[in-house]
């Protein structure tokens, strides 16, 4: 897909993609951050870039190292909405270009779509969770950031992990498709 094609997709479908994903992200963030109340989660423009922004407030005190964060402390995190396009573009492109799948069977590769949603759930909410953890650990003791699982996950995803997730899930979807496709071919050939 060309950069122009991706730009067109983003312009025309970004709001729809976010409308579909934000309720899922909210549910996941509530599980990841049980000591926080979600004040805001949405797509907006910050510094001329489209982002998924998140604001949450501690509902109970939290201790990190020697630092006590009282309830009522508010934390912001955000990530580019463009990251949400990595998964559908990479996964569907990989599935569509996979060798050995006849053109007439390629629409069946839409089986990838649940895997795309799973990839999204393993990316944006985890990045926001890591962002919240980064802020708290940075305030408490910057040398302890590596002690935060959320921060480590965030750095993994930003360091190429989101691409690895897309590739692995695309390969799983292709393997599942192939498993479903071959028994039909064998059954059709035995008639």
N, C-alpha and C. Protein backbone atom coordinates (compact mmCIF):
# COMPACT_ATOMS: atom_id res chain seq x y z
N UNK A 1 0.86 -1.17 0.00
CA UNK A 1 0.00 0.00 0.00
C UNK A 1 0.90 1.23 0.00
N UNK A 2 0.54 2.19 -0.80
CA UNK A 2 1.34 3.40 -0.89
C UNK A 2 1.02 4.33 0.28
N UNK A 3 1.91 5.30 0.47
CA UNK A 3 1.67 6.29 1.53
C UNK A 3 0.39 7.06 1.25
N UNK A 4 0.13 7.34 -0.03
CA UNK A 4 -1.10 8.04 -0.39
C UNK A 4 -2.34 7.23 -0.06
N UNK A 5 -2.26 5.91 -0.30
CA UNK A 5 -3.39 5.03 0.03
C UNK A 5 -3.64 4.97 1.52
N UNK A 6 -2.57 4.92 2.30
CA UNK A 6 -2.71 4.90 3.75
C UNK A 6 -3.27 6.23 4.25
N UNK A 7 -2.80 7.33 3.65
CA UNK A 7 -3.33 8.64 4.03
C UNK A 7 -4.82 8.73 3.74
N UNK A 8 -5.24 8.19 2.58
CA UNK A 8 -6.66 8.21 2.22
C UNK A 8 -7.47 7.39 3.22
N UNK A 9 -6.99 6.19 3.54
CA UNK A 9 -7.69 5.34 4.51
C UNK A 9 -7.81 6.05 5.86
N UNK A 10 -6.72 6.64 6.30
CA UNK A 10 -6.71 7.32 7.59
C UNK A 10 -7.70 8.48 7.59
N UNK A 11 -7.70 9.29 6.52
CA UNK A 11 -8.62 10.42 6.44
C UNK A 11 -10.08 9.98 6.45
N UNK A 12 -10.37 8.89 5.75
CA UNK A 12 -11.77 8.49 5.58
C UNK A 12 -12.30 7.56 6.67
N UNK A 13 -11.43 6.83 7.31
CA UNK A 13 -11.92 5.82 8.25
C UNK A 13 -11.38 5.95 9.67
N UNK A 14 -10.57 6.96 9.95
CA UNK A 14 -9.98 7.09 11.29
C UNK A 14 -11.05 7.22 12.36
N UNK A 15 -12.04 8.05 12.12
CA UNK A 15 -13.10 8.25 13.13
C UNK A 15 -13.88 6.96 13.35
N UNK A 16 -14.14 6.22 12.27
CA UNK A 16 -14.87 4.95 12.40
C UNK A 16 -14.07 3.92 13.18
N UNK A 17 -12.78 3.84 12.88
CA UNK A 17 -11.92 2.89 13.59
C UNK A 17 -11.88 3.23 15.08
N UNK A 18 -11.70 4.49 15.40
CA UNK A 18 -11.64 4.88 16.81
C UNK A 18 -12.99 4.67 17.50
N UNK A 19 -14.09 4.94 16.81
CA UNK A 19 -15.41 4.73 17.41
C UNK A 19 -15.61 3.26 17.76
N UNK A 20 -15.08 2.37 16.95
CA UNK A 20 -15.17 0.93 17.20
C UNK A 20 -14.27 0.51 18.37
N UNK A 21 -13.07 1.07 18.41
CA UNK A 21 -12.06 0.60 19.36
C UNK A 21 -12.11 1.25 20.74
N UNK A 22 -12.51 2.51 20.83
CA UNK A 22 -12.44 3.22 22.12
C UNK A 22 -13.21 2.53 23.25
N UNK A 23 -14.41 2.00 23.01
CA UNK A 23 -15.08 1.28 24.12
C UNK A 23 -14.29 0.05 24.59
N UNK A 24 -13.65 -0.64 23.65
CA UNK A 24 -12.82 -1.79 24.01
C UNK A 24 -11.60 -1.33 24.80
N UNK A 25 -10.98 -0.24 24.35
CA UNK A 25 -9.82 0.31 25.06
C UNK A 25 -10.20 0.71 26.49
N UNK A 26 -11.36 1.34 26.64
CA UNK A 26 -11.80 1.79 27.96
C UNK A 26 -11.95 0.59 28.91
N UNK A 27 -12.57 -0.47 28.43
CA UNK A 27 -12.75 -1.66 29.27
C UNK A 27 -11.41 -2.25 29.68
N UNK A 28 -10.48 -2.32 28.75
CA UNK A 28 -9.17 -2.87 29.06
C UNK A 28 -8.41 -1.97 30.04
N UNK A 29 -8.48 -0.67 29.84
CA UNK A 29 -7.78 0.26 30.75
C UNK A 29 -8.36 0.20 32.16
N UNK A 30 -9.67 -0.02 32.28
CA UNK A 30 -10.26 -0.16 33.61
C UNK A 30 -9.71 -1.39 34.33
N UNK A 31 -9.43 -2.45 33.56
CA UNK A 31 -8.82 -3.65 34.15
C UNK A 31 -7.35 -3.43 34.50
N UNK A 32 -6.63 -2.72 33.63
CA UNK A 32 -5.20 -2.49 33.84
C UNK A 32 -4.92 -1.49 34.96
N UNK A 33 -5.83 -0.55 35.16
CA UNK A 33 -5.63 0.52 36.15
C UNK A 33 -6.80 0.58 37.13
N UNK A 34 -6.94 -0.46 37.96
CA UNK A 34 -8.12 -0.50 38.84
C UNK A 34 -8.15 0.60 39.90
N UNK A 35 -7.01 1.18 40.21
CA UNK A 35 -6.96 2.24 41.23
C UNK A 35 -7.23 3.62 40.64
N UNK A 36 -7.63 3.67 39.36
CA UNK A 36 -7.87 4.94 38.68
C UNK A 36 -9.31 5.03 38.19
N UNK A 37 -9.80 6.26 38.16
CA UNK A 37 -11.06 6.56 37.49
C UNK A 37 -10.70 7.17 36.13
N UNK A 38 -11.30 6.65 35.07
CA UNK A 38 -11.02 7.18 33.73
C UNK A 38 -11.85 8.45 33.54
N UNK A 39 -11.15 9.57 33.44
CA UNK A 39 -11.81 10.86 33.24
C UNK A 39 -12.06 11.13 31.76
N UNK A 40 -11.10 10.74 30.93
CA UNK A 40 -11.23 11.00 29.50
C UNK A 40 -10.46 9.94 28.72
N UNK A 41 -11.07 9.46 27.65
CA UNK A 41 -10.41 8.60 26.68
C UNK A 41 -11.04 8.93 25.34
N UNK A 42 -10.23 9.44 24.43
CA UNK A 42 -10.78 9.81 23.14
C UNK A 42 -9.69 10.20 22.16
N UNK A 43 -10.12 10.37 20.93
CA UNK A 43 -9.20 10.81 19.87
C UNK A 43 -9.33 12.33 19.76
N UNK A 44 -8.18 12.97 19.66
CA UNK A 44 -8.18 14.43 19.50
C UNK A 44 -6.86 14.85 18.85
N UNK A 45 -6.77 16.13 18.55
CA UNK A 45 -5.56 16.68 17.94
C UNK A 45 -4.75 17.37 19.04
N UNK A 46 -3.48 16.98 19.15
CA UNK A 46 -2.54 17.62 20.07
C UNK A 46 -1.28 17.94 19.29
N UNK A 47 -0.87 19.17 19.33
CA UNK A 47 0.35 19.60 18.64
C UNK A 47 0.32 19.19 17.16
N UNK A 48 -0.83 19.40 16.52
CA UNK A 48 -1.03 19.14 15.10
C UNK A 48 -0.97 17.66 14.73
N UNK A 49 -1.14 16.76 15.71
CA UNK A 49 -1.15 15.33 15.43
C UNK A 49 -2.36 14.69 16.08
N UNK A 50 -2.95 13.71 15.37
CA UNK A 50 -4.08 12.97 15.92
C UNK A 50 -3.56 11.97 16.94
N UNK A 51 -4.14 12.00 18.13
CA UNK A 51 -3.70 11.11 19.20
C UNK A 51 -4.91 10.47 19.88
N UNK A 52 -4.66 9.35 20.53
CA UNK A 52 -5.61 8.79 21.48
C UNK A 52 -5.12 9.30 22.83
N UNK A 53 -5.93 10.13 23.46
CA UNK A 53 -5.54 10.76 24.73
C UNK A 53 -6.31 10.11 25.87
N UNK A 54 -5.66 10.08 27.02
CA UNK A 54 -6.18 9.40 28.18
C UNK A 54 -5.86 10.22 29.42
N UNK A 55 -6.87 10.44 30.26
CA UNK A 55 -6.68 11.11 31.54
C UNK A 55 -7.38 10.27 32.60
N UNK A 56 -6.67 9.99 33.67
CA UNK A 56 -7.23 9.19 34.76
C UNK A 56 -6.82 9.79 36.10
N UNK A 57 -7.65 9.56 37.11
CA UNK A 57 -7.41 10.10 38.44
C UNK A 57 -7.37 8.95 39.44
N UNK A 58 -6.35 8.99 40.29
CA UNK A 58 -6.24 7.97 41.34
C UNK A 58 -7.44 8.06 42.28
N UNK A 59 -8.02 6.92 42.59
CA UNK A 59 -9.16 6.87 43.51
C UNK A 59 -8.74 6.39 44.90
N UNK A 60 -7.49 5.96 44.99
CA UNK A 60 -6.93 5.53 46.28
C UNK A 60 -5.44 5.85 46.28
N UNK A 61 -4.84 6.01 47.44
CA UNK A 61 -3.40 6.33 47.46
C UNK A 61 -2.57 5.20 46.84
N UNK A 62 -1.45 5.58 46.26
CA UNK A 62 -0.54 4.59 45.67
C UNK A 62 0.89 4.93 46.12
N UNK A 63 1.61 3.91 46.52
CA UNK A 63 2.98 4.09 46.99
C UNK A 63 3.93 3.46 45.96
N UNK A 64 4.90 4.26 45.52
CA UNK A 64 5.96 3.78 44.64
C UNK A 64 7.27 4.20 45.29
N UNK A 65 8.03 3.21 45.73
CA UNK A 65 9.27 3.53 46.44
C UNK A 65 8.94 4.28 47.72
N UNK A 66 9.52 5.45 47.86
CA UNK A 66 9.28 6.29 49.03
C UNK A 66 8.18 7.32 48.79
N UNK A 67 7.68 7.39 47.57
CA UNK A 67 6.70 8.42 47.18
C UNK A 67 5.27 7.91 47.38
N UNK A 68 4.46 8.73 48.01
CA UNK A 68 3.04 8.41 48.17
C UNK A 68 2.26 9.36 47.27
N UNK A 69 1.47 8.78 46.38
CA UNK A 69 0.58 9.56 45.52
C UNK A 69 -0.81 9.48 46.13
N UNK A 70 -1.37 10.62 46.59
CA UNK A 70 -2.69 10.58 47.23
C UNK A 70 -3.80 10.41 46.19
N UNK A 71 -4.95 9.98 46.65
CA UNK A 71 -6.09 9.92 45.74
C UNK A 71 -6.36 11.33 45.23
N UNK A 72 -6.83 11.42 44.02
CA UNK A 72 -7.09 12.71 43.40
C UNK A 72 -6.00 13.15 42.45
N UNK A 73 -4.84 12.44 42.44
CA UNK A 73 -3.77 12.78 41.49
C UNK A 73 -4.22 12.37 40.09
N UNK A 74 -4.11 13.30 39.17
CA UNK A 74 -4.53 13.06 37.78
C UNK A 74 -3.30 12.84 36.90
N UNK A 75 -3.40 11.87 35.98
CA UNK A 75 -2.29 11.53 35.10
C UNK A 75 -2.80 11.50 33.66
N UNK A 76 -1.99 12.05 32.75
CA UNK A 76 -2.32 12.06 31.32
C UNK A 76 -1.35 11.18 30.56
N UNK A 77 -1.84 10.54 29.51
CA UNK A 77 -1.00 9.77 28.59
C UNK A 77 -1.65 9.86 27.22
N UNK A 78 -0.83 9.72 26.19
CA UNK A 78 -1.38 9.72 24.83
C UNK A 78 -0.45 8.96 23.91
N UNK A 79 -1.00 8.56 22.77
CA UNK A 79 -0.22 7.90 21.73
C UNK A 79 -0.84 8.26 20.39
N UNK A 80 -0.06 8.21 19.35
CA UNK A 80 -0.54 8.57 18.03
C UNK A 80 -1.63 7.62 17.56
N UNK A 81 -2.70 8.16 16.98
CA UNK A 81 -3.74 7.29 16.43
C UNK A 81 -3.20 6.51 15.23
N UNK A 82 -2.16 7.02 14.60
CA UNK A 82 -1.58 6.31 13.45
C UNK A 82 -1.10 4.92 13.86
N UNK A 83 -0.75 4.72 15.13
CA UNK A 83 -0.34 3.39 15.57
C UNK A 83 -1.47 2.38 15.39
N UNK A 84 -2.71 2.84 15.48
CA UNK A 84 -3.85 1.94 15.31
C UNK A 84 -3.94 1.41 13.88
N UNK A 85 -3.33 2.11 12.92
CA UNK A 85 -3.39 1.68 11.52
C UNK A 85 -2.30 0.67 11.19
N UNK A 86 -1.30 0.53 12.04
CA UNK A 86 -0.23 -0.42 11.78
C UNK A 86 -0.79 -1.83 11.61
N UNK A 87 -1.66 -2.22 12.51
CA UNK A 87 -2.13 -3.61 12.54
C UNK A 87 -2.99 -3.98 11.34
N UNK A 88 -4.05 -3.24 11.01
CA UNK A 88 -4.82 -3.66 9.84
C UNK A 88 -4.02 -3.61 8.54
N UNK A 89 -3.19 -2.58 8.39
CA UNK A 89 -2.43 -2.47 7.14
C UNK A 89 -1.42 -3.60 7.03
N UNK A 90 -0.62 -3.81 8.06
CA UNK A 90 0.41 -4.84 8.01
C UNK A 90 -0.19 -6.24 7.94
N UNK A 91 -1.18 -6.52 8.76
CA UNK A 91 -1.75 -7.87 8.80
C UNK A 91 -2.49 -8.22 7.51
N UNK A 92 -3.31 -7.31 7.03
CA UNK A 92 -4.06 -7.60 5.80
C UNK A 92 -3.15 -7.64 4.59
N UNK A 93 -2.12 -6.80 4.56
CA UNK A 93 -1.16 -6.84 3.45
C UNK A 93 -0.40 -8.16 3.45
N UNK A 94 0.03 -8.61 4.61
CA UNK A 94 0.75 -9.87 4.70
C UNK A 94 -0.14 -11.04 4.30
N UNK A 95 -1.37 -11.05 4.79
CA UNK A 95 -2.30 -12.13 4.44
C UNK A 95 -2.63 -12.12 2.95
N UNK A 96 -2.86 -10.95 2.38
CA UNK A 96 -3.22 -10.86 0.96
C UNK A 96 -2.07 -11.23 0.04
N UNK A 97 -0.86 -11.05 0.48
CA UNK A 97 0.29 -11.36 -0.38
C UNK A 97 0.90 -12.73 -0.10
N UNK A 98 0.28 -13.49 0.82
CA UNK A 98 0.84 -14.78 1.19
C UNK A 98 0.78 -15.73 -0.01
N UNK A 99 1.89 -16.38 -0.34
CA UNK A 99 1.91 -17.27 -1.53
C UNK A 99 1.09 -18.54 -1.30
N UNK A 100 0.60 -19.08 -2.40
CA UNK A 100 -0.10 -20.36 -2.35
C UNK A 100 -1.57 -20.28 -2.04
N UNK A 101 -2.11 -19.08 -1.97
CA UNK A 101 -3.54 -18.93 -1.72
C UNK A 101 -4.16 -18.39 -3.01
N UNK A 102 -5.06 -19.17 -3.59
CA UNK A 102 -5.69 -18.76 -4.84
C UNK A 102 -6.47 -17.47 -4.65
N UNK A 103 -6.50 -16.67 -5.72
CA UNK A 103 -7.21 -15.39 -5.65
C UNK A 103 -8.66 -15.56 -5.22
N UNK A 104 -9.31 -16.61 -5.69
CA UNK A 104 -10.73 -16.81 -5.36
C UNK A 104 -10.93 -17.11 -3.87
N UNK A 105 -9.87 -17.56 -3.19
CA UNK A 105 -9.97 -17.86 -1.76
C UNK A 105 -9.53 -16.70 -0.87
N UNK A 106 -8.95 -15.68 -1.46
CA UNK A 106 -8.40 -14.57 -0.66
C UNK A 106 -9.45 -13.81 0.16
N UNK A 107 -10.71 -13.68 -0.30
CA UNK A 107 -11.68 -13.03 0.58
C UNK A 107 -11.83 -13.74 1.93
N UNK A 108 -11.53 -15.03 1.97
CA UNK A 108 -11.57 -15.76 3.23
C UNK A 108 -10.54 -15.28 4.22
N UNK A 109 -9.56 -14.54 3.73
CA UNK A 109 -8.53 -14.01 4.62
C UNK A 109 -9.07 -12.90 5.53
N UNK A 110 -10.32 -12.50 5.30
CA UNK A 110 -10.93 -11.55 6.23
C UNK A 110 -11.06 -12.17 7.62
N UNK A 111 -10.73 -13.46 7.70
CA UNK A 111 -10.61 -14.13 8.97
C UNK A 111 -9.60 -13.41 9.86
N UNK A 112 -8.73 -12.60 9.24
CA UNK A 112 -7.73 -11.82 9.98
C UNK A 112 -8.37 -10.75 10.87
N UNK A 113 -9.57 -10.31 10.55
CA UNK A 113 -10.14 -9.17 11.26
C UNK A 113 -10.23 -9.35 12.78
N UNK A 114 -10.66 -10.51 13.30
CA UNK A 114 -10.62 -10.65 14.77
C UNK A 114 -9.19 -10.55 15.32
N UNK A 115 -8.21 -11.00 14.54
CA UNK A 115 -6.83 -10.90 14.97
C UNK A 115 -6.36 -9.45 14.95
N UNK A 116 -6.90 -8.65 14.03
CA UNK A 116 -6.58 -7.22 13.99
C UNK A 116 -7.08 -6.56 15.28
N UNK A 117 -8.30 -6.88 15.68
CA UNK A 117 -8.85 -6.31 16.92
C UNK A 117 -8.00 -6.75 18.11
N UNK A 118 -7.57 -8.01 18.13
CA UNK A 118 -6.71 -8.49 19.22
C UNK A 118 -5.39 -7.71 19.23
N UNK A 119 -4.82 -7.47 18.06
CA UNK A 119 -3.57 -6.70 17.98
C UNK A 119 -3.78 -5.29 18.53
N UNK A 120 -4.90 -4.68 18.19
CA UNK A 120 -5.20 -3.34 18.72
C UNK A 120 -5.28 -3.35 20.23
N UNK A 121 -5.88 -4.41 20.78
CA UNK A 121 -6.02 -4.51 22.23
C UNK A 121 -4.68 -4.75 22.92
N UNK A 122 -3.72 -5.29 22.17
CA UNK A 122 -2.38 -5.52 22.72
C UNK A 122 -1.46 -4.34 22.47
N UNK A 123 -1.98 -3.26 21.93
CA UNK A 123 -1.14 -2.11 21.61
C UNK A 123 -1.60 -0.85 22.33
N UNK A 124 -2.59 -0.18 21.82
CA UNK A 124 -2.96 1.16 22.31
C UNK A 124 -3.24 1.18 23.82
N UNK A 125 -4.10 0.31 24.37
CA UNK A 125 -4.33 0.38 25.82
C UNK A 125 -3.07 0.09 26.64
N UNK A 126 -2.23 -0.83 26.15
CA UNK A 126 -1.00 -1.13 26.89
C UNK A 126 -0.02 0.03 26.83
N UNK A 127 -0.01 0.75 25.70
CA UNK A 127 0.84 1.95 25.59
C UNK A 127 0.36 3.01 26.58
N UNK A 128 -0.95 3.22 26.67
CA UNK A 128 -1.48 4.22 27.59
C UNK A 128 -1.24 3.82 29.04
N UNK A 129 -1.42 2.55 29.35
CA UNK A 129 -1.12 2.03 30.69
C UNK A 129 0.36 2.29 31.03
N UNK A 130 1.23 1.96 30.09
CA UNK A 130 2.66 2.21 30.30
C UNK A 130 2.96 3.68 30.47
N UNK A 131 2.24 4.54 29.74
CA UNK A 131 2.43 5.98 29.88
C UNK A 131 2.08 6.47 31.27
N UNK A 132 1.00 5.96 31.81
CA UNK A 132 0.60 6.33 33.18
C UNK A 132 1.67 5.86 34.17
N UNK A 133 2.12 4.62 34.00
CA UNK A 133 3.16 4.09 34.89
C UNK A 133 4.45 4.89 34.77
N UNK A 134 4.82 5.27 33.54
CA UNK A 134 6.02 6.08 33.33
C UNK A 134 5.95 7.38 34.13
N UNK A 135 4.80 8.05 34.05
CA UNK A 135 4.64 9.34 34.74
C UNK A 135 4.81 9.14 36.25
N UNK A 136 4.14 8.14 36.80
CA UNK A 136 4.20 7.93 38.24
C UNK A 136 5.61 7.53 38.69
N UNK A 137 6.21 6.59 37.98
CA UNK A 137 7.56 6.15 38.37
C UNK A 137 8.58 7.27 38.17
N UNK A 138 8.40 8.07 37.13
CA UNK A 138 9.33 9.18 36.89
C UNK A 138 9.26 10.18 38.04
N UNK A 139 8.05 10.45 38.51
CA UNK A 139 7.87 11.38 39.64
C UNK A 139 8.44 10.80 40.93
N UNK A 140 8.24 9.49 41.14
CA UNK A 140 8.68 8.86 42.39
C UNK A 140 10.19 8.65 42.42
N UNK A 141 10.72 8.03 41.36
CA UNK A 141 12.15 7.72 41.32
C UNK A 141 12.49 7.27 39.90
N UNK A 142 13.03 8.15 39.07
CA UNK A 142 13.30 7.80 37.66
C UNK A 142 14.20 6.57 37.49
N UNK A 143 14.99 6.25 38.49
CA UNK A 143 15.87 5.08 38.36
C UNK A 143 15.10 3.77 38.50
N UNK A 144 13.85 3.85 38.95
CA UNK A 144 13.04 2.64 39.14
C UNK A 144 12.05 2.38 38.02
N UNK A 145 12.10 3.15 36.95
CA UNK A 145 11.13 2.96 35.86
C UNK A 145 11.14 1.53 35.35
N UNK A 146 12.31 0.91 35.30
CA UNK A 146 12.38 -0.47 34.80
C UNK A 146 11.66 -1.45 35.72
N UNK A 147 11.31 -1.04 36.93
CA UNK A 147 10.57 -1.91 37.84
C UNK A 147 9.09 -1.98 37.47
N UNK A 148 8.64 -1.09 36.61
CA UNK A 148 7.24 -1.03 36.22
C UNK A 148 6.99 -1.92 35.00
N UNK A 149 6.13 -2.90 35.16
CA UNK A 149 5.77 -3.77 34.03
C UNK A 149 5.14 -2.95 32.90
N UNK A 150 4.28 -2.01 33.26
CA UNK A 150 3.65 -1.17 32.24
C UNK A 150 4.67 -0.41 31.41
N UNK A 151 5.68 0.13 32.06
CA UNK A 151 6.73 0.86 31.33
C UNK A 151 7.52 -0.07 30.43
N UNK A 152 7.82 -1.28 30.90
CA UNK A 152 8.57 -2.24 30.07
C UNK A 152 7.76 -2.65 28.85
N UNK A 153 6.46 -2.87 29.04
CA UNK A 153 5.59 -3.23 27.92
C UNK A 153 5.53 -2.07 26.92
N UNK A 154 5.38 -0.85 27.42
CA UNK A 154 5.33 0.31 26.55
C UNK A 154 6.60 0.43 25.72
N UNK A 155 7.75 0.25 26.33
CA UNK A 155 9.02 0.36 25.61
C UNK A 155 9.20 -0.78 24.61
N UNK A 156 8.70 -1.97 24.93
CA UNK A 156 8.73 -3.08 23.98
C UNK A 156 7.89 -2.74 22.74
N UNK A 157 6.67 -2.26 22.97
CA UNK A 157 5.79 -1.93 21.85
C UNK A 157 6.36 -0.81 20.99
N UNK A 158 6.86 0.24 21.63
CA UNK A 158 7.45 1.35 20.89
C UNK A 158 8.75 0.97 20.19
N UNK A 159 9.41 -0.06 20.68
CA UNK A 159 10.68 -0.49 20.09
C UNK A 159 10.52 -1.51 18.98
N UNK A 160 9.33 -1.68 18.44
CA UNK A 160 9.10 -2.61 17.35
C UNK A 160 8.17 -3.75 17.70
N UNK A 161 7.79 -3.84 18.97
CA UNK A 161 6.91 -4.92 19.41
C UNK A 161 5.56 -4.92 18.73
N UNK A 162 5.03 -3.72 18.41
CA UNK A 162 3.72 -3.68 17.76
C UNK A 162 3.78 -4.33 16.39
N UNK A 163 4.91 -4.19 15.70
CA UNK A 163 5.07 -4.83 14.38
C UNK A 163 5.18 -6.34 14.54
N UNK A 164 5.91 -6.77 15.56
CA UNK A 164 6.05 -8.20 15.83
C UNK A 164 4.69 -8.82 16.15
N UNK A 165 3.88 -8.14 16.95
CA UNK A 165 2.54 -8.63 17.27
C UNK A 165 1.72 -8.79 16.01
N UNK A 166 1.76 -7.78 15.13
CA UNK A 166 0.99 -7.85 13.88
C UNK A 166 1.43 -9.03 13.02
N UNK A 167 2.73 -9.23 12.91
CA UNK A 167 3.24 -10.31 12.07
C UNK A 167 2.85 -11.66 12.65
N UNK A 168 3.04 -11.85 13.95
CA UNK A 168 2.70 -13.13 14.58
C UNK A 168 1.21 -13.41 14.45
N UNK A 169 0.37 -12.43 14.72
CA UNK A 169 -1.07 -12.65 14.62
C UNK A 169 -1.52 -12.86 13.17
N UNK A 170 -0.88 -12.18 12.22
CA UNK A 170 -1.20 -12.43 10.81
C UNK A 170 -0.83 -13.85 10.43
N UNK A 171 0.32 -14.32 10.88
CA UNK A 171 0.73 -15.70 10.58
C UNK A 171 -0.22 -16.71 11.23
N UNK A 172 -0.69 -16.42 12.43
CA UNK A 172 -1.68 -17.30 13.07
C UNK A 172 -2.98 -17.34 12.26
N UNK A 173 -3.41 -16.17 11.79
CA UNK A 173 -4.64 -16.11 10.99
C UNK A 173 -4.46 -16.87 9.68
N UNK A 174 -3.30 -16.72 9.04
CA UNK A 174 -3.03 -17.44 7.80
C UNK A 174 -3.00 -18.95 8.05
N UNK A 175 -2.35 -19.37 9.14
CA UNK A 175 -2.31 -20.79 9.47
C UNK A 175 -3.72 -21.34 9.71
N UNK A 176 -4.54 -20.58 10.42
CA UNK A 176 -5.92 -21.01 10.65
C UNK A 176 -6.68 -21.09 9.34
N UNK A 177 -6.51 -20.09 8.48
CA UNK A 177 -7.16 -20.09 7.18
C UNK A 177 -6.73 -21.31 6.37
N UNK A 178 -5.43 -21.60 6.35
CA UNK A 178 -4.92 -22.75 5.60
C UNK A 178 -5.48 -24.05 6.16
N UNK A 179 -5.59 -24.14 7.47
CA UNK A 179 -6.14 -25.34 8.10
C UNK A 179 -7.60 -25.53 7.70
N UNK A 180 -8.34 -24.45 7.61
CA UNK A 180 -9.75 -24.52 7.21
C UNK A 180 -9.89 -24.75 5.71
N UNK A 181 -8.93 -24.22 4.93
CA UNK A 181 -9.01 -24.32 3.47
C UNK A 181 -8.66 -25.72 2.98
N UNK A 182 -7.63 -26.36 3.49
CA UNK A 182 -7.17 -27.64 2.97
C UNK A 182 -8.17 -28.78 3.18
N UNK A 183 -8.84 -28.89 4.32
CA UNK A 183 -9.83 -29.97 4.43
C UNK A 183 -10.93 -29.85 3.38
N UNK A 184 -11.32 -28.62 3.03
CA UNK A 184 -12.33 -28.44 1.98
C UNK A 184 -11.80 -28.92 0.65
N UNK A 185 -10.52 -28.63 0.34
CA UNK A 185 -9.93 -29.08 -0.92
C UNK A 185 -9.85 -30.59 -0.98
N UNK A 186 -9.46 -31.22 0.13
CA UNK A 186 -9.35 -32.68 0.17
C UNK A 186 -10.73 -33.31 0.01
N UNK A 187 -11.73 -32.77 0.71
CA UNK A 187 -13.08 -33.29 0.61
C UNK A 187 -13.62 -33.12 -0.81
N UNK A 188 -13.35 -31.98 -1.42
CA UNK A 188 -13.82 -31.73 -2.79
C UNK A 188 -13.11 -32.64 -3.77
N UNK A 189 -11.83 -32.94 -3.55
CA UNK A 189 -11.05 -33.79 -4.44
C UNK A 189 -11.41 -35.26 -4.34
N UNK A 190 -11.99 -35.68 -3.20
CA UNK A 190 -12.31 -37.10 -3.03
C UNK A 190 -13.64 -37.49 -3.63
N UNK A 191 -14.39 -36.50 -4.14
CA UNK A 191 -15.69 -36.82 -4.74
C UNK A 191 -15.57 -37.43 -6.09
